[in-house]
């Protein structure tokens, strides 16, 4: 077995264990219900945010939700301080992604959002369930906090995998809760392979 193959097996095993260990909590039910109630029923939207690699995961979650019947946008936490906070409206839900739960820009974003709309619901995906961000969120989705597979223990690797999976859990359960159909999917996917397949 080559060094690369050996490392590959180790990474796959470590990340598989981490994904399987993501703990369920009633906050998952709460998060899905908030999205369904505020976005699907009341006509708001999902606003996701994160910094760095977590921000890229937030963007991926938003685009996946948008394609499955839940309007969603990504708000960059720094740009929010320079006017982009205006994208927030009543009945929106915020989904924030921060592995440390201490990201300064996200903490500031919550404060700004609450000043604009004090009752805006917030969901946090985090590796630190005891963090400042977790304490000020309505639903805390803990990744389980498995260590990164990066040999330095620093580069977001395992954590971003788990964040992506948690996003998928939210999307799939929201689709089930809203009864999102293949016909509705086709209306949002005109081109490409998925567009063709959804109209078969």
N, C-alpha and C. Protein backbone atom coordinates (compact mmCIF):
# COMPACT_ATOMS: atom_id res chain seq x y z
N UNK A 1 0.85 -1.19 0.00
CA UNK A 1 0.00 0.00 0.00
C UNK A 1 0.89 1.24 0.00
N UNK A 2 0.66 2.16 -0.94
CA UNK A 2 1.46 3.38 -1.02
C UNK A 2 1.11 4.32 0.14
N UNK A 3 1.99 5.31 0.36
CA UNK A 3 1.74 6.28 1.42
C UNK A 3 0.44 7.04 1.19
N UNK A 4 0.18 7.36 -0.07
CA UNK A 4 -1.04 8.11 -0.39
C UNK A 4 -2.26 7.23 -0.14
N UNK A 5 -2.19 5.98 -0.57
CA UNK A 5 -3.33 5.08 -0.35
C UNK A 5 -3.57 4.88 1.14
N UNK A 6 -2.49 4.71 1.90
CA UNK A 6 -2.63 4.52 3.35
C UNK A 6 -3.26 5.74 4.01
N UNK A 7 -2.80 6.92 3.62
CA UNK A 7 -3.36 8.16 4.16
C UNK A 7 -4.82 8.31 3.75
N UNK A 8 -5.11 7.95 2.52
CA UNK A 8 -6.49 8.04 2.03
C UNK A 8 -7.42 7.18 2.87
N UNK A 9 -7.02 5.95 3.15
CA UNK A 9 -7.83 5.05 3.96
C UNK A 9 -8.04 5.63 5.36
N UNK A 10 -6.96 6.16 5.93
CA UNK A 10 -7.05 6.75 7.27
C UNK A 10 -8.03 7.93 7.29
N UNK A 11 -7.95 8.79 6.27
CA UNK A 11 -8.84 9.96 6.20
C UNK A 11 -10.28 9.53 6.04
N UNK A 12 -10.52 8.57 5.14
CA UNK A 12 -11.89 8.10 4.92
C UNK A 12 -12.48 7.50 6.19
N UNK A 13 -11.66 6.73 6.89
CA UNK A 13 -12.14 6.11 8.13
C UNK A 13 -12.42 7.17 9.20
N UNK A 14 -11.52 8.14 9.33
CA UNK A 14 -11.68 9.18 10.35
C UNK A 14 -12.90 10.05 10.07
N UNK A 15 -13.07 10.46 8.82
CA UNK A 15 -14.20 11.32 8.50
C UNK A 15 -15.52 10.55 8.54
N UNK A 16 -15.50 9.28 8.18
CA UNK A 16 -16.71 8.45 8.28
C UNK A 16 -17.15 8.32 9.73
N UNK A 17 -16.18 8.07 10.62
CA UNK A 17 -16.48 7.98 12.05
C UNK A 17 -17.06 9.29 12.56
N UNK A 18 -16.47 10.40 12.11
CA UNK A 18 -16.93 11.71 12.56
C UNK A 18 -18.36 11.98 12.13
N UNK A 19 -18.68 11.64 10.89
CA UNK A 19 -20.04 11.84 10.38
C UNK A 19 -21.03 10.98 11.14
N UNK A 20 -20.66 9.72 11.37
CA UNK A 20 -21.57 8.80 12.09
C UNK A 20 -21.79 9.23 13.53
N UNK A 21 -20.85 10.01 14.06
CA UNK A 21 -20.95 10.41 15.48
C UNK A 21 -21.67 11.74 15.67
N UNK A 22 -22.13 12.37 14.60
CA UNK A 22 -22.87 13.63 14.75
C UNK A 22 -24.09 13.35 15.62
N UNK A 23 -24.21 14.04 16.75
CA UNK A 23 -25.30 13.72 17.68
C UNK A 23 -26.63 14.38 17.31
N UNK A 24 -27.69 13.60 17.41
CA UNK A 24 -29.03 14.18 17.23
C UNK A 24 -29.42 14.93 18.49
N UNK A 25 -30.17 16.01 18.32
CA UNK A 25 -30.80 16.70 19.44
C UNK A 25 -32.12 17.27 18.94
N UNK A 26 -33.06 17.57 19.84
CA UNK A 26 -34.34 18.16 19.42
C UNK A 26 -34.17 19.49 18.69
N UNK A 27 -32.99 20.09 18.77
CA UNK A 27 -32.76 21.34 18.05
C UNK A 27 -32.84 21.14 16.53
N UNK A 28 -32.62 19.92 16.06
CA UNK A 28 -32.80 19.65 14.62
C UNK A 28 -34.27 19.84 14.25
N UNK A 29 -35.17 19.29 15.06
CA UNK A 29 -36.60 19.46 14.81
C UNK A 29 -36.97 20.93 14.87
N UNK A 30 -36.41 21.63 15.85
CA UNK A 30 -36.69 23.05 16.03
C UNK A 30 -36.21 23.86 14.83
N UNK A 31 -35.00 23.53 14.34
CA UNK A 31 -34.44 24.26 13.21
C UNK A 31 -35.29 24.07 11.95
N UNK A 32 -35.68 22.83 11.68
CA UNK A 32 -36.51 22.56 10.50
C UNK A 32 -37.84 23.27 10.62
N UNK A 33 -38.46 23.24 11.79
CA UNK A 33 -39.75 23.89 11.99
C UNK A 33 -39.63 25.40 11.81
N UNK A 34 -38.55 26.00 12.28
CA UNK A 34 -38.35 27.44 12.10
C UNK A 34 -38.25 27.79 10.62
N UNK A 35 -37.50 26.98 9.87
CA UNK A 35 -37.35 27.23 8.43
C UNK A 35 -38.69 27.08 7.72
N UNK A 36 -39.41 26.01 8.04
CA UNK A 36 -40.71 25.77 7.41
C UNK A 36 -41.69 26.89 7.75
N UNK A 37 -41.76 27.25 9.02
CA UNK A 37 -42.71 28.26 9.47
C UNK A 37 -42.41 29.63 8.87
N UNK A 38 -41.19 30.08 9.00
CA UNK A 38 -40.86 31.45 8.60
C UNK A 38 -40.68 31.61 7.09
N UNK A 39 -40.08 30.62 6.45
CA UNK A 39 -39.81 30.74 5.02
C UNK A 39 -40.95 30.18 4.19
N UNK A 40 -41.32 28.93 4.43
CA UNK A 40 -42.34 28.27 3.60
C UNK A 40 -43.74 28.85 3.84
N UNK A 41 -44.09 29.07 5.11
CA UNK A 41 -45.45 29.52 5.42
C UNK A 41 -45.60 31.04 5.40
N UNK A 42 -44.61 31.73 5.95
CA UNK A 42 -44.75 33.19 6.09
C UNK A 42 -44.11 33.98 4.96
N UNK A 43 -43.36 33.32 4.10
CA UNK A 43 -42.79 34.01 2.94
C UNK A 43 -41.47 34.71 3.19
N UNK A 44 -40.76 34.33 4.26
CA UNK A 44 -39.43 34.90 4.49
C UNK A 44 -38.40 34.14 3.68
N UNK A 45 -37.14 34.25 4.09
CA UNK A 45 -36.07 33.52 3.41
C UNK A 45 -35.04 33.06 4.43
N UNK A 46 -34.20 32.15 4.01
CA UNK A 46 -33.11 31.67 4.85
C UNK A 46 -31.87 32.49 4.50
N UNK A 47 -31.22 33.03 5.51
CA UNK A 47 -30.01 33.82 5.31
C UNK A 47 -28.86 33.09 6.00
N UNK A 48 -27.91 32.60 5.21
CA UNK A 48 -26.79 31.86 5.77
C UNK A 48 -25.55 32.74 5.82
N UNK A 49 -24.65 32.42 6.76
CA UNK A 49 -23.43 33.21 6.86
C UNK A 49 -22.33 32.42 7.57
N UNK A 50 -21.11 32.75 7.22
CA UNK A 50 -19.94 32.15 7.85
C UNK A 50 -18.71 32.86 7.33
N UNK A 51 -17.58 32.68 7.99
CA UNK A 51 -16.31 33.29 7.57
C UNK A 51 -15.38 32.21 7.04
N UNK A 52 -14.59 32.56 6.04
CA UNK A 52 -13.60 31.62 5.52
C UNK A 52 -14.22 30.36 4.95
N UNK A 53 -13.65 29.20 5.30
CA UNK A 53 -14.17 27.93 4.79
C UNK A 53 -15.61 27.70 5.22
N UNK A 54 -15.94 28.11 6.45
CA UNK A 54 -17.32 27.96 6.93
C UNK A 54 -18.28 28.79 6.08
N UNK A 55 -17.78 29.93 5.58
CA UNK A 55 -18.62 30.76 4.71
C UNK A 55 -18.93 30.07 3.40
N UNK A 56 -17.96 29.29 2.90
CA UNK A 56 -18.20 28.53 1.67
C UNK A 56 -19.23 27.44 1.89
N UNK A 57 -19.20 26.81 3.07
CA UNK A 57 -20.21 25.82 3.41
C UNK A 57 -21.58 26.49 3.51
N UNK A 58 -21.63 27.67 4.14
CA UNK A 58 -22.88 28.42 4.26
C UNK A 58 -23.47 28.73 2.89
N UNK A 59 -22.61 29.09 1.94
CA UNK A 59 -23.07 29.39 0.58
C UNK A 59 -23.63 28.13 -0.08
N UNK A 60 -22.95 27.00 0.10
CA UNK A 60 -23.43 25.75 -0.47
C UNK A 60 -24.79 25.36 0.09
N UNK A 61 -24.96 25.54 1.40
CA UNK A 61 -26.24 25.22 2.03
C UNK A 61 -27.34 26.10 1.46
N UNK A 62 -27.03 27.40 1.28
CA UNK A 62 -28.03 28.33 0.75
C UNK A 62 -28.46 27.94 -0.66
N UNK A 63 -27.51 27.59 -1.52
CA UNK A 63 -27.87 27.26 -2.90
C UNK A 63 -28.67 25.96 -2.96
N UNK A 64 -28.35 25.02 -2.07
CA UNK A 64 -29.09 23.77 -2.04
C UNK A 64 -30.52 24.00 -1.58
N UNK A 65 -30.70 24.82 -0.55
CA UNK A 65 -32.04 25.16 -0.10
C UNK A 65 -32.83 25.87 -1.20
N UNK A 66 -32.20 26.81 -1.89
CA UNK A 66 -32.90 27.55 -2.95
C UNK A 66 -33.41 26.63 -4.04
N UNK A 67 -32.63 25.61 -4.34
CA UNK A 67 -33.02 24.69 -5.41
C UNK A 67 -34.12 23.73 -4.98
N UNK A 68 -34.41 23.69 -3.68
CA UNK A 68 -35.42 22.75 -3.18
C UNK A 68 -36.60 23.47 -2.52
N UNK A 69 -36.88 24.69 -3.00
CA UNK A 69 -38.11 25.36 -2.60
C UNK A 69 -38.03 26.31 -1.43
N UNK A 70 -36.85 26.49 -0.86
CA UNK A 70 -36.67 27.41 0.27
C UNK A 70 -35.75 28.54 -0.18
N UNK A 71 -36.30 29.72 -0.47
CA UNK A 71 -35.45 30.84 -0.90
C UNK A 71 -34.37 31.13 0.13
N UNK A 72 -33.12 31.20 -0.33
CA UNK A 72 -32.01 31.39 0.58
C UNK A 72 -30.93 32.24 -0.07
N UNK A 73 -30.27 33.05 0.74
CA UNK A 73 -29.16 33.88 0.27
C UNK A 73 -28.02 33.74 1.28
N UNK A 74 -26.82 34.08 0.83
CA UNK A 74 -25.67 34.11 1.72
C UNK A 74 -25.29 35.56 2.00
N UNK A 75 -25.12 35.88 3.26
CA UNK A 75 -24.74 37.22 3.68
C UNK A 75 -23.33 37.18 4.24
N UNK A 76 -22.40 37.87 3.60
CA UNK A 76 -21.04 37.90 4.12
C UNK A 76 -21.03 38.75 5.39
N UNK A 77 -20.51 38.22 6.50
CA UNK A 77 -20.62 38.93 7.77
C UNK A 77 -19.90 40.28 7.80
N UNK A 78 -18.81 40.41 7.03
CA UNK A 78 -18.11 41.69 6.99
C UNK A 78 -18.87 42.70 6.14
N UNK A 79 -19.35 42.26 4.99
CA UNK A 79 -20.13 43.16 4.13
C UNK A 79 -21.43 43.60 4.80
N UNK A 80 -21.93 42.76 5.72
CA UNK A 80 -23.16 43.12 6.44
C UNK A 80 -22.98 44.41 7.21
N UNK A 81 -21.74 44.67 7.66
CA UNK A 81 -21.46 45.88 8.42
C UNK A 81 -21.36 47.12 7.54
N UNK A 82 -21.41 46.91 6.23
CA UNK A 82 -21.27 48.02 5.29
C UNK A 82 -22.50 48.13 4.39
N UNK A 83 -23.66 47.78 4.94
CA UNK A 83 -24.91 47.99 4.22
C UNK A 83 -25.64 46.74 3.78
N UNK A 84 -24.92 45.62 3.63
CA UNK A 84 -25.58 44.41 3.13
C UNK A 84 -26.55 43.80 4.14
N UNK A 85 -26.50 44.27 5.39
CA UNK A 85 -27.47 43.81 6.39
C UNK A 85 -28.89 44.12 5.94
N UNK A 86 -29.02 45.07 5.03
CA UNK A 86 -30.34 45.44 4.51
C UNK A 86 -31.06 44.33 3.79
N UNK A 87 -30.36 43.23 3.50
CA UNK A 87 -31.01 42.09 2.86
C UNK A 87 -31.98 41.40 3.82
N UNK A 88 -31.79 41.60 5.13
CA UNK A 88 -32.67 40.97 6.12
C UNK A 88 -34.06 41.60 6.10
N UNK A 89 -35.07 40.74 6.23
CA UNK A 89 -36.46 41.18 6.27
C UNK A 89 -37.19 40.42 7.37
N UNK A 90 -38.38 40.94 7.78
CA UNK A 90 -39.18 40.18 8.75
C UNK A 90 -39.48 38.79 8.21
N UNK A 91 -39.53 37.83 9.10
CA UNK A 91 -39.80 36.42 8.79
C UNK A 91 -38.61 35.66 8.21
N UNK A 92 -37.46 36.33 8.09
CA UNK A 92 -36.26 35.60 7.69
C UNK A 92 -35.76 34.75 8.86
N UNK A 93 -34.95 33.75 8.52
CA UNK A 93 -34.27 32.91 9.50
C UNK A 93 -32.79 32.96 9.18
N UNK A 94 -31.95 33.06 10.20
CA UNK A 94 -30.51 33.08 9.98
C UNK A 94 -29.91 31.72 10.33
N UNK A 95 -29.08 31.21 9.43
CA UNK A 95 -28.35 29.95 9.65
C UNK A 95 -26.86 30.29 9.60
N UNK A 96 -26.21 30.22 10.75
CA UNK A 96 -24.82 30.63 10.87
C UNK A 96 -23.90 29.42 11.03
N UNK A 97 -22.73 29.49 10.43
CA UNK A 97 -21.79 28.37 10.45
C UNK A 97 -20.47 28.84 11.04
N UNK A 98 -20.07 28.24 12.15
CA UNK A 98 -18.80 28.58 12.80
C UNK A 98 -18.31 27.39 13.60
N UNK A 99 -17.20 26.81 13.21
CA UNK A 99 -16.70 25.63 13.92
C UNK A 99 -16.32 25.97 15.36
N UNK A 100 -15.65 27.09 15.54
CA UNK A 100 -15.20 27.48 16.89
C UNK A 100 -16.34 28.02 17.74
N UNK A 101 -17.36 28.56 17.09
CA UNK A 101 -18.43 29.22 17.83
C UNK A 101 -17.99 30.54 18.42
N UNK A 102 -16.81 31.01 18.01
CA UNK A 102 -16.25 32.24 18.56
C UNK A 102 -15.92 33.26 17.47
N UNK A 103 -16.31 32.99 16.24
CA UNK A 103 -15.95 33.86 15.13
C UNK A 103 -16.46 35.28 15.37
N UNK A 104 -15.54 36.22 15.50
CA UNK A 104 -15.91 37.59 15.87
C UNK A 104 -16.91 38.20 14.90
N UNK A 105 -16.68 38.00 13.60
CA UNK A 105 -17.56 38.61 12.61
C UNK A 105 -18.99 38.07 12.70
N UNK A 106 -19.14 36.79 13.07
CA UNK A 106 -20.47 36.20 13.18
C UNK A 106 -21.15 36.67 14.46
N UNK A 107 -20.38 36.80 15.53
CA UNK A 107 -20.93 37.33 16.78
C UNK A 107 -21.45 38.75 16.55
N UNK A 108 -20.67 39.55 15.82
CA UNK A 108 -21.09 40.92 15.52
C UNK A 108 -22.31 40.91 14.60
N UNK A 109 -22.37 39.97 13.68
CA UNK A 109 -23.51 39.89 12.77
C UNK A 109 -24.81 39.61 13.53
N UNK A 110 -24.76 38.68 14.48
CA UNK A 110 -25.96 38.41 15.28
C UNK A 110 -26.42 39.66 16.02
N UNK A 111 -25.47 40.38 16.60
CA UNK A 111 -25.82 41.59 17.34
C UNK A 111 -26.48 42.62 16.43
N UNK A 112 -25.93 42.78 15.23
CA UNK A 112 -26.50 43.74 14.28
C UNK A 112 -27.89 43.29 13.81
N UNK A 113 -28.02 42.00 13.54
CA UNK A 113 -29.30 41.48 13.06
C UNK A 113 -30.38 41.63 14.14
N UNK A 114 -30.01 41.35 15.39
CA UNK A 114 -30.97 41.46 16.49
C UNK A 114 -31.36 42.91 16.75
N UNK A 115 -30.45 43.82 16.46
CA UNK A 115 -30.78 45.24 16.62
C UNK A 115 -31.83 45.65 15.57
N UNK A 116 -31.70 45.07 14.38
CA UNK A 116 -32.64 45.38 13.29
C UNK A 116 -33.96 44.66 13.48
N UNK A 117 -33.89 43.36 13.78
CA UNK A 117 -35.08 42.53 14.00
C UNK A 117 -34.85 41.70 15.26
N UNK A 118 -35.25 42.19 16.41
CA UNK A 118 -34.96 41.51 17.69
C UNK A 118 -35.42 40.06 17.77
N UNK A 119 -36.47 39.71 17.03
CA UNK A 119 -37.03 38.36 17.14
C UNK A 119 -36.57 37.42 16.03
N UNK A 120 -35.61 37.83 15.22
CA UNK A 120 -35.18 36.97 14.11
C UNK A 120 -34.60 35.67 14.65
N UNK A 121 -35.12 34.51 14.21
CA UNK A 121 -34.61 33.22 14.72
C UNK A 121 -33.22 32.93 14.16
N UNK A 122 -32.39 32.31 14.98
CA UNK A 122 -31.04 31.98 14.54
C UNK A 122 -30.71 30.51 14.82
N UNK A 123 -30.07 29.90 13.84
CA UNK A 123 -29.60 28.52 13.92
C UNK A 123 -28.09 28.56 13.78
N UNK A 124 -27.37 27.80 14.59
CA UNK A 124 -25.92 27.75 14.48
C UNK A 124 -25.46 26.31 14.26
N UNK A 125 -24.61 26.12 13.26
CA UNK A 125 -23.90 24.85 13.09
C UNK A 125 -22.49 25.08 13.62
N UNK A 126 -22.10 24.32 14.63
CA UNK A 126 -20.83 24.60 15.29
C UNK A 126 -20.19 23.35 15.89
N UNK A 127 -18.88 23.42 16.06
CA UNK A 127 -18.16 22.36 16.74
C UNK A 127 -18.00 22.63 18.22
N UNK A 128 -18.58 23.74 18.69
CA UNK A 128 -18.46 24.14 20.09
C UNK A 128 -19.83 24.50 20.64
N UNK A 129 -20.50 23.52 21.24
CA UNK A 129 -21.87 23.71 21.72
C UNK A 129 -21.94 24.60 22.95
N UNK A 130 -20.81 24.90 23.57
CA UNK A 130 -20.78 25.75 24.76
C UNK A 130 -20.27 27.15 24.45
N UNK A 131 -20.23 27.50 23.20
CA UNK A 131 -19.63 28.76 22.78
C UNK A 131 -20.58 29.95 22.94
N UNK A 132 -20.01 31.13 22.73
CA UNK A 132 -20.80 32.36 22.79
C UNK A 132 -21.89 32.37 21.72
N UNK A 133 -21.54 31.91 20.52
CA UNK A 133 -22.54 31.87 19.44
C UNK A 133 -23.67 30.90 19.77
N UNK A 134 -23.31 29.76 20.33
CA UNK A 134 -24.34 28.78 20.70
C UNK A 134 -25.29 29.36 21.74
N UNK A 135 -24.74 30.11 22.68
CA UNK A 135 -25.54 30.67 23.77
C UNK A 135 -26.58 31.67 23.27
N UNK A 136 -26.30 32.33 22.14
CA UNK A 136 -27.25 33.35 21.66
C UNK A 136 -28.04 32.87 20.45
N UNK A 137 -28.05 31.56 20.19
CA UNK A 137 -28.80 31.00 19.07
C UNK A 137 -30.03 30.23 19.57
N UNK A 138 -31.05 30.18 18.72
CA UNK A 138 -32.29 29.48 19.09
C UNK A 138 -32.19 27.97 18.90
N UNK A 139 -31.34 27.54 17.97
CA UNK A 139 -31.15 26.11 17.73
C UNK A 139 -29.66 25.88 17.49
N UNK A 140 -29.07 24.97 18.26
CA UNK A 140 -27.64 24.68 18.17
C UNK A 140 -27.46 23.28 17.59
N UNK A 141 -26.83 23.19 16.43
CA UNK A 141 -26.58 21.91 15.77
C UNK A 141 -25.09 21.61 15.90
N UNK A 142 -24.76 20.75 16.85
CA UNK A 142 -23.38 20.46 17.19
C UNK A 142 -22.83 19.38 16.28
N UNK A 143 -21.64 19.63 15.74
CA UNK A 143 -21.02 18.66 14.83
C UNK A 143 -20.49 17.45 15.58
N UNK A 144 -20.28 17.58 16.86
CA UNK A 144 -19.66 16.51 17.64
C UNK A 144 -18.22 16.83 17.98
N UNK A 145 -17.65 17.79 17.26
CA UNK A 145 -16.31 18.27 17.59
C UNK A 145 -15.17 17.33 17.30
N UNK A 146 -15.31 16.44 16.32
CA UNK A 146 -14.21 15.53 15.98
C UNK A 146 -12.99 16.32 15.49
N UNK A 147 -11.78 15.83 15.75
CA UNK A 147 -10.58 16.56 15.32
C UNK A 147 -10.44 16.57 13.79
N UNK A 148 -9.75 17.60 13.31
CA UNK A 148 -9.49 17.70 11.87
C UNK A 148 -8.51 16.60 11.45
N UNK A 149 -8.66 16.11 10.22
CA UNK A 149 -7.70 15.12 9.71
C UNK A 149 -6.42 15.79 9.21
N UNK A 150 -6.43 17.09 9.08
CA UNK A 150 -5.22 17.84 8.71
C UNK A 150 -4.09 17.45 9.66
N UNK A 151 -2.89 17.13 9.16
CA UNK A 151 -1.80 16.70 10.03
C UNK A 151 -1.39 17.76 11.06
N UNK A 152 -1.74 19.02 10.79
CA UNK A 152 -1.46 20.09 11.75
C UNK A 152 -2.60 20.26 12.75
N UNK A 153 -3.73 19.62 12.45
CA UNK A 153 -4.90 19.77 13.29
C UNK A 153 -5.53 21.14 13.18
N UNK A 154 -5.26 21.84 12.07
CA UNK A 154 -5.71 23.22 11.92
C UNK A 154 -6.64 23.44 10.73
N UNK A 155 -6.25 22.93 9.55
CA UNK A 155 -7.02 23.19 8.33
C UNK A 155 -8.41 22.60 8.43
N UNK A 156 -9.47 23.40 8.16
CA UNK A 156 -10.83 22.86 8.18
C UNK A 156 -10.97 21.73 7.17
N UNK A 157 -11.13 20.52 7.67
CA UNK A 157 -11.27 19.33 6.83
C UNK A 157 -12.44 18.50 7.34
N UNK A 158 -12.24 17.81 8.44
CA UNK A 158 -13.34 17.03 9.03
C UNK A 158 -14.51 17.94 9.41
N UNK A 159 -14.21 19.10 9.95
CA UNK A 159 -15.27 20.00 10.41
C UNK A 159 -16.16 20.46 9.25
N UNK A 160 -15.55 20.76 8.10
CA UNK A 160 -16.36 21.21 6.96
C UNK A 160 -17.18 20.07 6.37
N UNK A 161 -16.64 18.85 6.46
CA UNK A 161 -17.41 17.69 6.02
C UNK A 161 -18.67 17.54 6.86
N UNK A 162 -18.52 17.66 8.17
CA UNK A 162 -19.67 17.51 9.08
C UNK A 162 -20.67 18.64 8.91
N UNK A 163 -20.18 19.85 8.71
CA UNK A 163 -21.08 20.98 8.47
C UNK A 163 -21.91 20.77 7.22
N UNK A 164 -21.27 20.24 6.17
CA UNK A 164 -21.98 19.97 4.92
C UNK A 164 -23.06 18.91 5.13
N UNK A 165 -22.73 17.87 5.87
CA UNK A 165 -23.70 16.80 6.15
C UNK A 165 -24.88 17.35 6.95
N UNK A 166 -24.62 18.18 7.94
CA UNK A 166 -25.70 18.77 8.74
C UNK A 166 -26.59 19.63 7.84
N UNK A 167 -25.98 20.36 6.91
CA UNK A 167 -26.77 21.12 5.95
C UNK A 167 -27.69 20.21 5.14
N UNK A 168 -27.16 19.07 4.72
CA UNK A 168 -27.96 18.10 3.97
C UNK A 168 -29.12 17.56 4.82
N UNK A 169 -28.86 17.33 6.10
CA UNK A 169 -29.92 16.85 6.99
C UNK A 169 -31.05 17.87 7.07
N UNK A 170 -30.70 19.13 7.17
CA UNK A 170 -31.72 20.18 7.22
C UNK A 170 -32.50 20.27 5.91
N UNK A 171 -31.78 20.23 4.79
CA UNK A 171 -32.44 20.34 3.49
C UNK A 171 -33.42 19.19 3.26
N UNK A 172 -32.95 17.97 3.48
CA UNK A 172 -33.80 16.80 3.21
C UNK A 172 -35.03 16.79 4.09
N UNK A 173 -34.85 17.10 5.38
CA UNK A 173 -35.99 17.08 6.28
C UNK A 173 -36.96 18.23 6.01
N UNK A 174 -36.44 19.36 5.54
CA UNK A 174 -37.31 20.47 5.15
C UNK A 174 -38.11 20.10 3.90
N UNK A 175 -37.46 19.44 2.95
CA UNK A 175 -38.17 18.97 1.75
C UNK A 175 -39.33 18.05 2.13
N UNK A 176 -39.06 17.15 3.06
CA UNK A 176 -40.11 16.22 3.50
C UNK A 176 -41.24 16.97 4.20
N UNK A 177 -40.88 17.95 5.02
CA UNK A 177 -41.88 18.70 5.78
C UNK A 177 -42.77 19.55 4.88
N UNK A 178 -42.21 20.05 3.77
CA UNK A 178 -42.99 20.90 2.87
C UNK A 178 -43.63 20.12 1.74
N UNK A 179 -43.29 18.84 1.62
CA UNK A 179 -43.84 18.03 0.53
C UNK A 179 -43.32 18.46 -0.83
N UNK A 180 -42.09 18.92 -0.88
CA UNK A 180 -41.49 19.42 -2.13
C UNK A 180 -41.45 18.30 -3.17
N UNK A 181 -42.00 18.58 -4.36
CA UNK A 181 -42.18 17.53 -5.38
C UNK A 181 -41.16 17.62 -6.52
N UNK A 182 -41.12 16.56 -7.31
CA UNK A 182 -40.25 16.52 -8.47
C UNK A 182 -40.66 17.58 -9.49
N UNK A 183 -41.95 17.82 -9.61
CA UNK A 183 -42.45 18.84 -10.53
C UNK A 183 -41.98 20.23 -10.10
N UNK A 184 -42.00 20.48 -8.80
CA UNK A 184 -41.52 21.77 -8.29
C UNK A 184 -40.02 21.90 -8.49
N UNK A 185 -39.31 20.80 -8.33
CA UNK A 185 -37.87 20.78 -8.56
C UNK A 185 -37.57 21.16 -10.01
N UNK A 186 -38.35 20.60 -10.93
CA UNK A 186 -38.14 20.86 -12.36
C UNK A 186 -38.32 22.33 -12.70
N UNK A 187 -39.22 23.01 -12.01
CA UNK A 187 -39.45 24.44 -12.26
C UNK A 187 -38.22 25.28 -11.90
N UNK A 188 -37.38 24.76 -11.04
CA UNK A 188 -36.19 25.49 -10.60
C UNK A 188 -34.92 25.01 -11.30
N UNK A 189 -35.04 24.00 -12.14
CA UNK A 189 -33.88 23.44 -12.85
C UNK A 189 -34.23 23.28 -14.32
N UNK A 190 -34.06 24.35 -15.08
CA UNK A 190 -34.40 24.27 -16.49
C UNK A 190 -33.32 23.56 -17.30
N UNK A 191 -32.07 23.90 -17.02
CA UNK A 191 -30.99 23.36 -17.83
C UNK A 191 -30.21 22.25 -17.16
N UNK A 192 -29.31 21.67 -17.94
CA UNK A 192 -28.40 20.67 -17.40
C UNK A 192 -29.02 19.31 -17.19
N UNK A 193 -28.18 18.42 -16.68
CA UNK A 193 -28.59 17.04 -16.47
C UNK A 193 -29.75 16.95 -15.49
N UNK A 194 -29.65 17.70 -14.37
CA UNK A 194 -30.71 17.62 -13.35
C UNK A 194 -32.03 18.16 -13.89
N UNK A 195 -31.96 19.21 -14.72
CA UNK A 195 -33.17 19.73 -15.31
C UNK A 195 -33.86 18.71 -16.19
N UNK A 196 -33.08 18.01 -17.00
CA UNK A 196 -33.64 16.96 -17.87
C UNK A 196 -34.20 15.82 -17.04
N UNK A 197 -33.43 15.36 -16.07
CA UNK A 197 -33.85 14.22 -15.26
C UNK A 197 -35.11 14.53 -14.46
N UNK A 198 -35.25 15.77 -13.98
CA UNK A 198 -36.40 16.13 -13.16
C UNK A 198 -37.70 16.20 -13.97
N UNK A 199 -37.57 16.29 -15.29
CA UNK A 199 -38.77 16.35 -16.15
C UNK A 199 -39.11 15.01 -16.78
N UNK A 200 -38.35 13.97 -16.45
CA UNK A 200 -38.63 12.64 -17.03
C UNK A 200 -39.90 12.04 -16.45
